[in-house]
N, C-alpha and C. Protein backbone atom coordinates (compact mmCIF):
# COMPACT_ATOMS: atom_id res chain seq x y z
N UNK A 1 41.93 -8.09 4.96
CA UNK A 1 43.22 -7.44 4.90
C UNK A 1 43.49 -6.90 3.50
N UNK A 2 43.07 -7.63 2.48
CA UNK A 2 43.29 -7.20 1.10
C UNK A 2 42.59 -5.86 0.84
N UNK A 3 41.34 -5.72 1.33
CA UNK A 3 40.59 -4.48 1.13
C UNK A 3 41.33 -3.31 1.76
N UNK A 4 41.86 -3.51 2.97
CA UNK A 4 42.59 -2.44 3.65
C UNK A 4 43.80 -2.02 2.81
N UNK A 5 44.53 -3.01 2.25
CA UNK A 5 45.70 -2.71 1.44
C UNK A 5 45.31 -1.90 0.20
N UNK A 6 44.17 -2.22 -0.40
CA UNK A 6 43.71 -1.47 -1.57
C UNK A 6 43.37 -0.04 -1.17
N UNK A 7 42.74 0.16 -0.02
CA UNK A 7 42.42 1.50 0.44
C UNK A 7 43.68 2.33 0.64
N UNK A 8 44.71 1.72 1.24
CA UNK A 8 45.98 2.41 1.43
C UNK A 8 46.59 2.75 0.07
N UNK A 9 46.51 1.82 -0.88
CA UNK A 9 47.05 2.07 -2.20
C UNK A 9 46.34 3.25 -2.86
N UNK A 10 45.01 3.31 -2.76
CA UNK A 10 44.27 4.46 -3.31
C UNK A 10 44.81 5.75 -2.73
N UNK A 11 45.00 5.74 -1.43
CA UNK A 11 45.47 6.91 -0.74
C UNK A 11 46.87 7.29 -1.20
N UNK A 12 47.76 6.31 -1.31
CA UNK A 12 49.13 6.58 -1.74
C UNK A 12 49.16 7.20 -3.13
N UNK A 13 48.36 6.66 -4.03
CA UNK A 13 48.31 7.19 -5.38
C UNK A 13 47.79 8.62 -5.36
N UNK A 14 46.75 8.86 -4.57
CA UNK A 14 46.13 10.19 -4.53
C UNK A 14 47.06 11.26 -3.97
N UNK A 15 47.84 10.91 -2.94
CA UNK A 15 48.70 11.94 -2.35
C UNK A 15 50.17 11.74 -2.68
N UNK A 16 50.49 10.64 -3.38
CA UNK A 16 51.87 10.39 -3.73
C UNK A 16 52.74 10.19 -2.50
N UNK A 17 52.16 9.60 -1.46
CA UNK A 17 52.89 9.46 -0.20
C UNK A 17 53.06 8.03 0.23
N UNK A 18 53.45 7.88 1.47
CA UNK A 18 53.71 6.57 2.05
C UNK A 18 52.47 6.02 2.75
N UNK A 19 52.56 4.73 3.11
CA UNK A 19 51.48 4.12 3.89
C UNK A 19 51.25 4.92 5.17
N UNK A 20 52.34 5.26 5.86
CA UNK A 20 52.23 5.96 7.13
C UNK A 20 51.63 7.35 6.95
N UNK A 21 52.04 8.06 5.89
CA UNK A 21 51.51 9.42 5.66
C UNK A 21 50.02 9.39 5.37
N UNK A 22 49.62 8.41 4.57
CA UNK A 22 48.20 8.27 4.23
C UNK A 22 47.38 7.92 5.47
N UNK A 23 47.83 6.94 6.19
CA UNK A 23 47.09 6.49 7.38
C UNK A 23 47.04 7.59 8.43
N UNK A 24 48.10 8.38 8.52
CA UNK A 24 48.17 9.42 9.55
C UNK A 24 47.15 10.53 9.33
N UNK A 25 46.69 10.71 8.10
CA UNK A 25 45.72 11.78 7.82
C UNK A 25 44.44 11.63 8.64
N UNK A 26 43.99 10.40 8.84
CA UNK A 26 42.71 10.19 9.51
C UNK A 26 42.84 9.95 11.01
N UNK A 27 44.05 9.75 11.51
CA UNK A 27 44.23 9.40 12.91
C UNK A 27 43.61 10.42 13.87
N UNK A 28 43.83 11.74 13.68
CA UNK A 28 43.20 12.69 14.62
C UNK A 28 41.67 12.61 14.60
N UNK A 29 41.08 12.35 13.44
CA UNK A 29 39.61 12.24 13.35
C UNK A 29 39.14 11.00 14.07
N UNK A 30 39.85 9.90 13.90
CA UNK A 30 39.48 8.66 14.57
C UNK A 30 39.62 8.80 16.08
N UNK A 31 40.68 9.46 16.52
CA UNK A 31 40.89 9.66 17.96
C UNK A 31 39.77 10.52 18.55
N UNK A 32 39.43 11.61 17.87
CA UNK A 32 38.35 12.49 18.36
C UNK A 32 37.02 11.76 18.37
N UNK A 33 36.76 10.96 17.33
CA UNK A 33 35.53 10.18 17.29
C UNK A 33 35.44 9.20 18.44
N UNK A 34 36.55 8.55 18.74
CA UNK A 34 36.57 7.59 19.86
C UNK A 34 36.33 8.30 21.18
N UNK A 35 36.87 9.50 21.34
CA UNK A 35 36.70 10.24 22.59
C UNK A 35 35.26 10.73 22.77
N UNK A 36 34.64 11.17 21.69
CA UNK A 36 33.29 11.72 21.81
C UNK A 36 32.21 10.63 21.80
N UNK A 37 32.55 9.43 21.34
CA UNK A 37 31.55 8.38 21.15
C UNK A 37 30.72 8.06 22.40
N UNK A 38 31.30 7.94 23.59
CA UNK A 38 30.45 7.65 24.75
C UNK A 38 29.38 8.73 24.98
N UNK A 39 29.74 9.99 24.76
CA UNK A 39 28.76 11.08 24.92
C UNK A 39 27.69 11.00 23.83
N UNK A 40 28.10 10.64 22.62
CA UNK A 40 27.17 10.51 21.49
C UNK A 40 26.17 9.39 21.77
N UNK A 41 26.65 8.25 22.23
CA UNK A 41 25.76 7.13 22.49
C UNK A 41 24.79 7.45 23.63
N UNK A 42 25.29 8.13 24.65
CA UNK A 42 24.43 8.53 25.77
C UNK A 42 23.35 9.51 25.28
N UNK A 43 23.74 10.43 24.41
CA UNK A 43 22.78 11.41 23.88
C UNK A 43 21.73 10.70 23.03
N UNK A 44 22.14 9.76 22.19
CA UNK A 44 21.19 9.01 21.37
C UNK A 44 20.20 8.24 22.23
N UNK A 45 20.70 7.59 23.26
CA UNK A 45 19.83 6.85 24.19
C UNK A 45 18.86 7.80 24.87
N UNK A 46 19.35 8.95 25.30
CA UNK A 46 18.52 9.96 25.97
C UNK A 46 17.42 10.46 25.04
N UNK A 47 17.77 10.76 23.78
CA UNK A 47 16.76 11.23 22.83
C UNK A 47 15.67 10.17 22.63
N UNK A 48 16.07 8.92 22.49
CA UNK A 48 15.09 7.85 22.29
C UNK A 48 14.17 7.73 23.52
N UNK A 49 14.76 7.83 24.71
CA UNK A 49 13.96 7.71 25.94
C UNK A 49 13.06 8.92 26.14
N UNK A 50 13.59 10.12 25.95
CA UNK A 50 12.82 11.35 26.22
C UNK A 50 11.68 11.55 25.25
N UNK A 51 11.84 11.10 24.02
CA UNK A 51 10.78 11.27 23.04
C UNK A 51 9.75 10.15 23.12
N UNK A 52 10.04 9.12 23.91
CA UNK A 52 9.09 8.03 24.08
C UNK A 52 9.06 7.05 22.92
N UNK A 53 10.02 7.13 22.02
CA UNK A 53 10.05 6.21 20.90
C UNK A 53 10.52 4.86 21.41
N UNK A 54 9.70 3.84 21.22
CA UNK A 54 9.96 2.51 21.77
C UNK A 54 9.87 1.46 20.67
N UNK A 55 10.50 0.32 20.93
CA UNK A 55 10.36 -0.82 20.04
C UNK A 55 8.90 -1.26 20.05
N UNK A 56 8.37 -1.65 18.92
CA UNK A 56 6.99 -2.12 18.85
C UNK A 56 6.78 -3.26 19.84
N UNK A 57 5.76 -3.12 20.70
CA UNK A 57 5.45 -4.16 21.67
C UNK A 57 6.49 -4.32 22.77
N UNK A 58 7.27 -3.27 23.04
CA UNK A 58 8.33 -3.37 24.04
C UNK A 58 8.47 -2.05 24.79
N UNK A 59 9.12 -2.12 25.94
CA UNK A 59 9.43 -0.91 26.69
C UNK A 59 10.81 -0.36 26.33
N UNK A 60 11.56 -1.08 25.48
CA UNK A 60 12.93 -0.70 25.17
C UNK A 60 12.97 0.44 24.16
N UNK A 61 13.78 1.49 24.42
CA UNK A 61 13.96 2.55 23.43
C UNK A 61 14.61 2.00 22.18
N UNK A 62 14.35 2.64 21.08
CA UNK A 62 14.89 2.19 19.80
C UNK A 62 16.23 2.85 19.47
N UNK A 63 17.06 2.99 20.45
CA UNK A 63 18.40 3.53 20.23
C UNK A 63 19.34 2.39 19.84
N UNK A 64 20.10 2.58 18.78
CA UNK A 64 21.06 1.57 18.34
C UNK A 64 22.46 2.17 18.40
N UNK A 65 23.34 1.51 19.08
CA UNK A 65 24.73 1.95 19.14
C UNK A 65 25.38 1.57 17.82
N UNK A 66 25.85 2.55 17.10
CA UNK A 66 26.54 2.29 15.84
C UNK A 66 28.04 2.24 16.10
N UNK A 67 28.75 1.33 15.46
CA UNK A 67 30.18 1.24 15.70
C UNK A 67 30.92 2.45 15.12
N UNK A 68 32.08 2.73 15.69
CA UNK A 68 32.92 3.78 15.13
C UNK A 68 33.37 3.37 13.73
N UNK A 69 33.52 4.35 12.86
CA UNK A 69 34.03 4.07 11.52
C UNK A 69 35.45 3.54 11.66
N UNK A 70 35.78 2.50 10.92
CA UNK A 70 37.11 1.90 11.01
C UNK A 70 38.14 2.77 10.28
N UNK A 71 39.39 2.51 10.60
CA UNK A 71 40.50 3.24 9.98
C UNK A 71 40.48 3.07 8.45
N UNK A 72 40.34 1.84 8.00
CA UNK A 72 40.33 1.57 6.56
C UNK A 72 39.16 2.23 5.86
N UNK A 73 37.98 2.15 6.46
CA UNK A 73 36.79 2.77 5.85
C UNK A 73 36.91 4.30 5.85
N UNK A 74 37.52 4.86 6.90
CA UNK A 74 37.71 6.31 6.94
C UNK A 74 38.61 6.77 5.80
N UNK A 75 39.69 6.03 5.56
CA UNK A 75 40.60 6.37 4.46
C UNK A 75 39.87 6.26 3.12
N UNK A 76 39.16 5.15 2.95
CA UNK A 76 38.42 4.93 1.71
C UNK A 76 37.42 6.06 1.45
N UNK A 77 36.63 6.42 2.47
CA UNK A 77 35.62 7.46 2.30
C UNK A 77 36.26 8.82 2.05
N UNK A 78 37.36 9.08 2.75
CA UNK A 78 38.05 10.36 2.58
C UNK A 78 38.43 10.56 1.11
N UNK A 79 38.94 9.51 0.46
CA UNK A 79 39.35 9.64 -0.94
C UNK A 79 38.21 9.47 -1.91
N UNK A 80 37.37 8.49 -1.68
CA UNK A 80 36.30 8.21 -2.63
C UNK A 80 35.27 9.33 -2.66
N UNK A 81 34.89 9.80 -1.50
CA UNK A 81 33.81 10.78 -1.44
C UNK A 81 34.28 12.22 -1.36
N UNK A 82 35.48 12.44 -0.77
CA UNK A 82 35.89 13.81 -0.49
C UNK A 82 37.24 14.18 -1.10
N UNK A 83 37.75 13.36 -2.00
CA UNK A 83 38.99 13.64 -2.73
C UNK A 83 40.14 14.04 -1.80
N UNK A 84 40.24 13.37 -0.68
CA UNK A 84 41.35 13.57 0.24
C UNK A 84 41.13 14.61 1.32
N UNK A 85 39.96 15.24 1.34
CA UNK A 85 39.68 16.28 2.34
C UNK A 85 39.18 15.60 3.62
N UNK A 86 40.09 15.35 4.54
CA UNK A 86 39.76 14.62 5.76
C UNK A 86 38.74 15.36 6.62
N UNK A 87 38.70 16.69 6.52
CA UNK A 87 37.78 17.45 7.36
C UNK A 87 36.31 17.27 6.96
N UNK A 88 36.03 16.53 5.89
CA UNK A 88 34.65 16.22 5.53
C UNK A 88 34.16 14.91 6.16
N UNK A 89 35.04 14.21 6.87
CA UNK A 89 34.62 12.98 7.57
C UNK A 89 33.83 13.37 8.81
N UNK A 90 32.53 13.33 8.70
CA UNK A 90 31.66 13.81 9.77
C UNK A 90 30.91 12.70 10.49
N UNK A 91 31.23 11.46 10.19
CA UNK A 91 30.47 10.36 10.78
C UNK A 91 31.37 9.29 11.39
N UNK A 92 32.50 9.69 11.95
CA UNK A 92 33.36 8.72 12.64
C UNK A 92 32.58 8.16 13.83
N UNK A 93 32.02 9.05 14.64
CA UNK A 93 31.14 8.65 15.75
C UNK A 93 29.70 8.82 15.27
N UNK A 94 28.90 7.80 15.51
CA UNK A 94 27.51 7.84 15.01
C UNK A 94 26.61 7.01 15.89
N UNK A 95 25.35 7.34 15.83
CA UNK A 95 24.33 6.62 16.58
C UNK A 95 23.07 6.58 15.74
N UNK A 96 22.13 5.72 16.09
CA UNK A 96 20.90 5.58 15.30
C UNK A 96 19.70 5.44 16.22
N UNK A 97 18.56 5.91 15.72
CA UNK A 97 17.28 5.69 16.38
C UNK A 97 16.31 5.21 15.31
N UNK A 98 15.59 4.14 15.62
CA UNK A 98 14.63 3.55 14.70
C UNK A 98 13.23 4.02 15.09
N UNK A 99 12.49 4.53 14.12
CA UNK A 99 11.12 5.02 14.33
C UNK A 99 10.13 4.17 13.55
N UNK A 100 8.92 4.05 14.09
CA UNK A 100 7.88 3.27 13.41
C UNK A 100 7.18 4.06 12.31
N UNK A 101 7.10 5.38 12.46
CA UNK A 101 6.35 6.19 11.50
C UNK A 101 7.16 7.41 11.08
N UNK A 102 6.77 7.97 9.95
CA UNK A 102 7.43 9.20 9.48
C UNK A 102 7.11 10.37 10.43
N UNK A 103 5.96 10.30 11.10
CA UNK A 103 5.63 11.32 12.09
C UNK A 103 6.62 11.28 13.26
N UNK A 104 6.99 10.08 13.68
CA UNK A 104 8.01 9.97 14.73
C UNK A 104 9.35 10.51 14.25
N UNK A 105 9.69 10.26 13.01
CA UNK A 105 10.94 10.79 12.44
C UNK A 105 10.92 12.31 12.53
N UNK A 106 9.83 12.93 12.06
CA UNK A 106 9.70 14.39 12.10
C UNK A 106 9.78 14.93 13.52
N UNK A 107 9.07 14.27 14.43
CA UNK A 107 9.09 14.69 15.83
C UNK A 107 10.50 14.64 16.40
N UNK A 108 11.21 13.55 16.12
CA UNK A 108 12.56 13.38 16.63
C UNK A 108 13.52 14.42 16.06
N UNK A 109 13.43 14.69 14.78
CA UNK A 109 14.29 15.71 14.16
C UNK A 109 14.05 17.07 14.82
N UNK A 110 12.78 17.41 15.02
CA UNK A 110 12.46 18.69 15.69
C UNK A 110 12.96 18.70 17.13
N UNK A 111 12.81 17.58 17.84
CA UNK A 111 13.27 17.48 19.23
C UNK A 111 14.78 17.71 19.31
N UNK A 112 15.51 17.02 18.44
CA UNK A 112 16.97 17.15 18.43
C UNK A 112 17.39 18.58 18.09
N UNK A 113 16.72 19.18 17.11
CA UNK A 113 17.07 20.54 16.70
C UNK A 113 16.88 21.55 17.83
N UNK A 114 15.99 21.26 18.77
CA UNK A 114 15.74 22.17 19.90
C UNK A 114 16.60 21.86 21.12
N UNK A 115 17.37 20.79 21.08
CA UNK A 115 18.22 20.40 22.21
C UNK A 115 19.35 21.41 22.38
N UNK A 116 19.44 22.01 23.55
CA UNK A 116 20.45 23.04 23.82
C UNK A 116 21.86 22.46 23.95
N UNK A 117 21.99 21.14 24.05
CA UNK A 117 23.30 20.51 24.19
C UNK A 117 23.99 20.24 22.86
N UNK A 118 23.29 20.51 21.74
CA UNK A 118 23.87 20.26 20.42
C UNK A 118 23.64 21.44 19.49
N UNK A 119 24.48 21.49 18.47
CA UNK A 119 24.28 22.41 17.36
C UNK A 119 24.16 21.55 16.11
N UNK A 120 23.08 21.73 15.37
CA UNK A 120 22.86 20.98 14.13
C UNK A 120 23.62 21.69 13.01
N UNK A 121 24.50 20.95 12.36
CA UNK A 121 25.28 21.51 11.26
C UNK A 121 24.66 21.21 9.91
N UNK A 122 24.04 20.03 9.79
CA UNK A 122 23.48 19.64 8.50
C UNK A 122 22.43 18.57 8.73
N UNK A 123 21.38 18.61 7.92
CA UNK A 123 20.37 17.55 7.91
C UNK A 123 20.27 17.04 6.48
N UNK A 124 20.51 15.76 6.31
CA UNK A 124 20.38 15.12 5.00
C UNK A 124 19.11 14.28 5.06
N UNK A 125 18.06 14.77 4.41
CA UNK A 125 16.75 14.11 4.46
C UNK A 125 16.57 13.22 3.24
N UNK A 126 16.87 11.96 3.40
CA UNK A 126 16.71 11.01 2.30
C UNK A 126 15.27 10.52 2.16
N UNK A 127 14.36 11.05 2.99
CA UNK A 127 12.93 10.77 2.82
C UNK A 127 12.28 11.81 1.91
N UNK A 128 12.96 12.89 1.64
CA UNK A 128 12.43 13.95 0.79
C UNK A 128 12.04 13.37 -0.57
N UNK A 129 10.86 13.73 -1.07
CA UNK A 129 10.39 13.18 -2.35
C UNK A 129 11.31 13.56 -3.50
N UNK A 130 12.07 14.63 -3.36
CA UNK A 130 13.00 15.05 -4.41
C UNK A 130 14.37 14.38 -4.30
N UNK A 131 14.58 13.59 -3.25
CA UNK A 131 15.87 12.91 -3.09
C UNK A 131 15.98 11.77 -4.10
N UNK A 132 17.11 11.69 -4.79
CA UNK A 132 17.36 10.63 -5.76
C UNK A 132 17.84 9.39 -5.02
N UNK A 133 16.91 8.50 -4.68
CA UNK A 133 17.26 7.32 -3.89
C UNK A 133 18.05 6.31 -4.71
N UNK A 134 18.20 6.54 -6.00
CA UNK A 134 19.08 5.71 -6.81
C UNK A 134 20.54 5.84 -6.38
N UNK A 135 20.87 6.97 -5.75
CA UNK A 135 22.24 7.20 -5.28
C UNK A 135 22.58 6.31 -4.08
N UNK A 136 21.57 5.80 -3.38
CA UNK A 136 21.80 4.97 -2.20
C UNK A 136 21.10 3.61 -2.34
N UNK A 137 20.89 3.18 -3.56
CA UNK A 137 20.27 1.88 -3.84
C UNK A 137 18.92 1.72 -3.14
N UNK A 138 18.18 2.83 -3.02
CA UNK A 138 16.86 2.80 -2.42
C UNK A 138 16.82 3.05 -0.93
N UNK A 139 17.98 3.09 -0.29
CA UNK A 139 18.02 3.30 1.16
C UNK A 139 17.61 4.74 1.49
N UNK A 140 16.84 4.88 2.57
CA UNK A 140 16.38 6.20 2.99
C UNK A 140 16.47 6.33 4.50
N UNK A 141 16.84 7.53 4.95
CA UNK A 141 16.88 7.87 6.36
C UNK A 141 17.02 9.38 6.47
N UNK A 142 17.11 9.87 7.69
CA UNK A 142 17.52 11.25 7.93
C UNK A 142 18.84 11.16 8.66
N UNK A 143 19.86 11.79 8.11
CA UNK A 143 21.18 11.82 8.75
C UNK A 143 21.44 13.26 9.17
N UNK A 144 21.70 13.42 10.45
CA UNK A 144 21.98 14.75 11.00
C UNK A 144 23.43 14.79 11.48
N UNK A 145 24.16 15.83 11.07
CA UNK A 145 25.51 16.05 11.60
C UNK A 145 25.40 17.14 12.66
N UNK A 146 26.00 16.85 13.82
CA UNK A 146 25.88 17.75 14.97
C UNK A 146 27.21 17.85 15.71
N UNK A 147 27.30 18.84 16.58
CA UNK A 147 28.38 18.90 17.56
C UNK A 147 27.74 19.06 18.93
N UNK A 148 28.37 18.45 19.92
CA UNK A 148 27.92 18.59 21.30
C UNK A 148 28.49 19.88 21.87
N UNK A 149 27.64 20.68 22.50
CA UNK A 149 28.10 21.93 23.12
C UNK A 149 27.75 21.96 24.61
N UNK A 150 27.45 20.79 25.16
CA UNK A 150 27.13 20.70 26.58
C UNK A 150 28.37 21.06 27.41
N UNK A 151 28.15 21.37 28.67
CA UNK A 151 29.26 21.68 29.57
C UNK A 151 30.24 20.52 29.63
N UNK A 152 29.72 19.29 29.64
CA UNK A 152 30.58 18.12 29.69
C UNK A 152 31.45 18.03 28.43
N UNK A 153 30.86 18.22 27.26
CA UNK A 153 31.63 18.17 26.01
C UNK A 153 32.68 19.28 25.98
N UNK A 154 32.28 20.47 26.40
CA UNK A 154 33.24 21.58 26.43
C UNK A 154 34.37 21.32 27.41
N UNK A 155 34.02 20.76 28.57
CA UNK A 155 35.03 20.46 29.59
C UNK A 155 36.04 19.43 29.12
N UNK A 156 35.62 18.54 28.22
CA UNK A 156 36.51 17.52 27.69
C UNK A 156 37.15 17.94 26.37
N UNK A 157 36.85 19.17 25.93
CA UNK A 157 37.42 19.65 24.67
C UNK A 157 36.87 18.95 23.44
N UNK A 158 35.62 18.47 23.53
CA UNK A 158 35.02 17.71 22.44
C UNK A 158 33.92 18.49 21.71
N UNK A 159 33.81 19.77 21.98
CA UNK A 159 32.71 20.55 21.41
C UNK A 159 32.93 20.95 19.96
N UNK A 160 34.01 20.48 19.33
CA UNK A 160 34.18 20.74 17.90
C UNK A 160 34.25 19.44 17.10
N UNK A 161 33.91 18.33 17.74
CA UNK A 161 33.93 17.02 17.07
C UNK A 161 32.54 16.72 16.53
N UNK A 162 32.45 16.61 15.22
CA UNK A 162 31.17 16.37 14.55
C UNK A 162 30.82 14.89 14.66
N UNK A 163 29.53 14.61 14.90
CA UNK A 163 29.04 13.24 14.89
C UNK A 163 27.77 13.18 14.08
N UNK A 164 27.28 11.97 13.86
CA UNK A 164 26.09 11.78 13.04
C UNK A 164 25.06 10.94 13.78
N UNK A 165 23.81 11.32 13.63
CA UNK A 165 22.71 10.46 14.06
C UNK A 165 21.91 10.11 12.81
N UNK A 166 21.62 8.83 12.67
CA UNK A 166 20.79 8.34 11.58
C UNK A 166 19.43 7.99 12.17
N UNK A 167 18.39 8.53 11.57
CA UNK A 167 17.03 8.26 12.01
C UNK A 167 16.37 7.44 10.91
N UNK A 168 15.99 6.22 11.26
CA UNK A 168 15.60 5.21 10.28
C UNK A 168 14.18 4.74 10.56
N UNK A 169 13.42 4.48 9.53
CA UNK A 169 12.11 3.85 9.70
C UNK A 169 12.30 2.36 9.97
N UNK A 170 11.51 1.81 10.89
CA UNK A 170 11.63 0.41 11.29
C UNK A 170 11.51 -0.53 10.09
N UNK A 171 10.60 -0.22 9.21
CA UNK A 171 10.39 -1.07 8.04
C UNK A 171 11.67 -1.18 7.20
N UNK A 172 12.39 -0.07 7.04
CA UNK A 172 13.65 -0.10 6.30
C UNK A 172 14.75 -0.76 7.12
N UNK A 173 14.77 -0.48 8.41
CA UNK A 173 15.80 -1.07 9.27
C UNK A 173 15.71 -2.59 9.28
N UNK A 174 14.51 -3.12 9.32
CA UNK A 174 14.33 -4.57 9.34
C UNK A 174 14.83 -5.23 8.06
N UNK A 175 14.84 -4.48 6.96
CA UNK A 175 15.34 -5.01 5.70
C UNK A 175 16.85 -4.81 5.56
N UNK A 176 17.43 -4.06 6.49
CA UNK A 176 18.86 -3.73 6.44
C UNK A 176 19.66 -4.86 7.08
N UNK A 177 19.82 -5.94 6.34
CA UNK A 177 20.55 -7.11 6.83
C UNK A 177 22.03 -6.97 6.51
N UNK A 178 22.83 -7.85 7.05
CA UNK A 178 24.26 -7.86 6.73
C UNK A 178 24.45 -8.11 5.23
N UNK A 179 23.69 -9.04 4.68
CA UNK A 179 23.80 -9.32 3.24
C UNK A 179 23.41 -8.09 2.42
N UNK A 180 22.34 -7.42 2.86
CA UNK A 180 21.92 -6.21 2.16
C UNK A 180 22.98 -5.12 2.23
N UNK A 181 23.63 -4.99 3.38
CA UNK A 181 24.68 -3.98 3.51
C UNK A 181 25.88 -4.32 2.62
N UNK A 182 26.21 -5.60 2.51
CA UNK A 182 27.31 -6.01 1.63
C UNK A 182 26.96 -5.69 0.17
N UNK A 183 25.68 -5.91 -0.20
CA UNK A 183 25.25 -5.56 -1.55
C UNK A 183 25.33 -4.05 -1.78
N UNK A 184 24.97 -3.26 -0.76
CA UNK A 184 25.08 -1.80 -0.88
C UNK A 184 26.53 -1.40 -1.09
N UNK A 185 27.45 -2.02 -0.36
CA UNK A 185 28.87 -1.68 -0.51
C UNK A 185 29.35 -1.98 -1.93
N UNK A 186 28.88 -3.10 -2.51
CA UNK A 186 29.24 -3.42 -3.90
C UNK A 186 28.67 -2.35 -4.84
N UNK A 187 27.43 -1.95 -4.59
CA UNK A 187 26.79 -0.91 -5.38
C UNK A 187 27.59 0.40 -5.29
N UNK A 188 27.98 0.77 -4.07
CA UNK A 188 28.75 1.99 -3.83
C UNK A 188 30.08 1.92 -4.58
N UNK A 189 30.73 0.76 -4.57
CA UNK A 189 31.99 0.60 -5.27
C UNK A 189 31.82 0.75 -6.78
N UNK A 190 30.71 0.25 -7.30
CA UNK A 190 30.44 0.38 -8.74
C UNK A 190 30.25 1.82 -9.17
N UNK A 191 29.68 2.63 -8.29
CA UNK A 191 29.47 4.05 -8.62
C UNK A 191 30.80 4.76 -8.86
N UNK A 192 31.84 4.31 -8.20
CA UNK A 192 33.15 4.96 -8.30
C UNK A 192 33.94 4.40 -9.47
N UNK A 193 33.71 3.13 -9.79
CA UNK A 193 34.50 2.46 -10.83
C UNK A 193 34.30 3.08 -12.19
């Protein structure tokens, strides 16, 4: 609860407004993310199944349902990373696929880029040799921002809601523990301090 209060305080200072005004900035993004999330998770599962990417020694696809970004984290990211520009929050709804090899990562990125049900807006390739992994404490993945343009998404009015898919190597994913994520959050906070 204390962390949430600090995030609201950051927001209040930045916009000189009230708790309600600050919190209200992200509500439409959170609502849209919640509405599009079932389609996003279904698409992630479909990509994992169609490309044949499976858990090592298993028949299960390597699709991971990622939770929706929380209200407090959305406010924090909006101010910390985007100086109050809520329209840069592109990862409220997100999904992940774990790959065993970099070749699978490349194949999956190409597969997704050719999918007629989505439009790729941005690809952030943290595997690129020129990427400064010091900015993410050594973490690497491919993060793609997309919009769904399928008939179903259009019919539900969700074809302008951006979502993110993270494509992760299994070796890195296995090291991505809760403790490691907490350490990353501390690292991220130090970058801003």
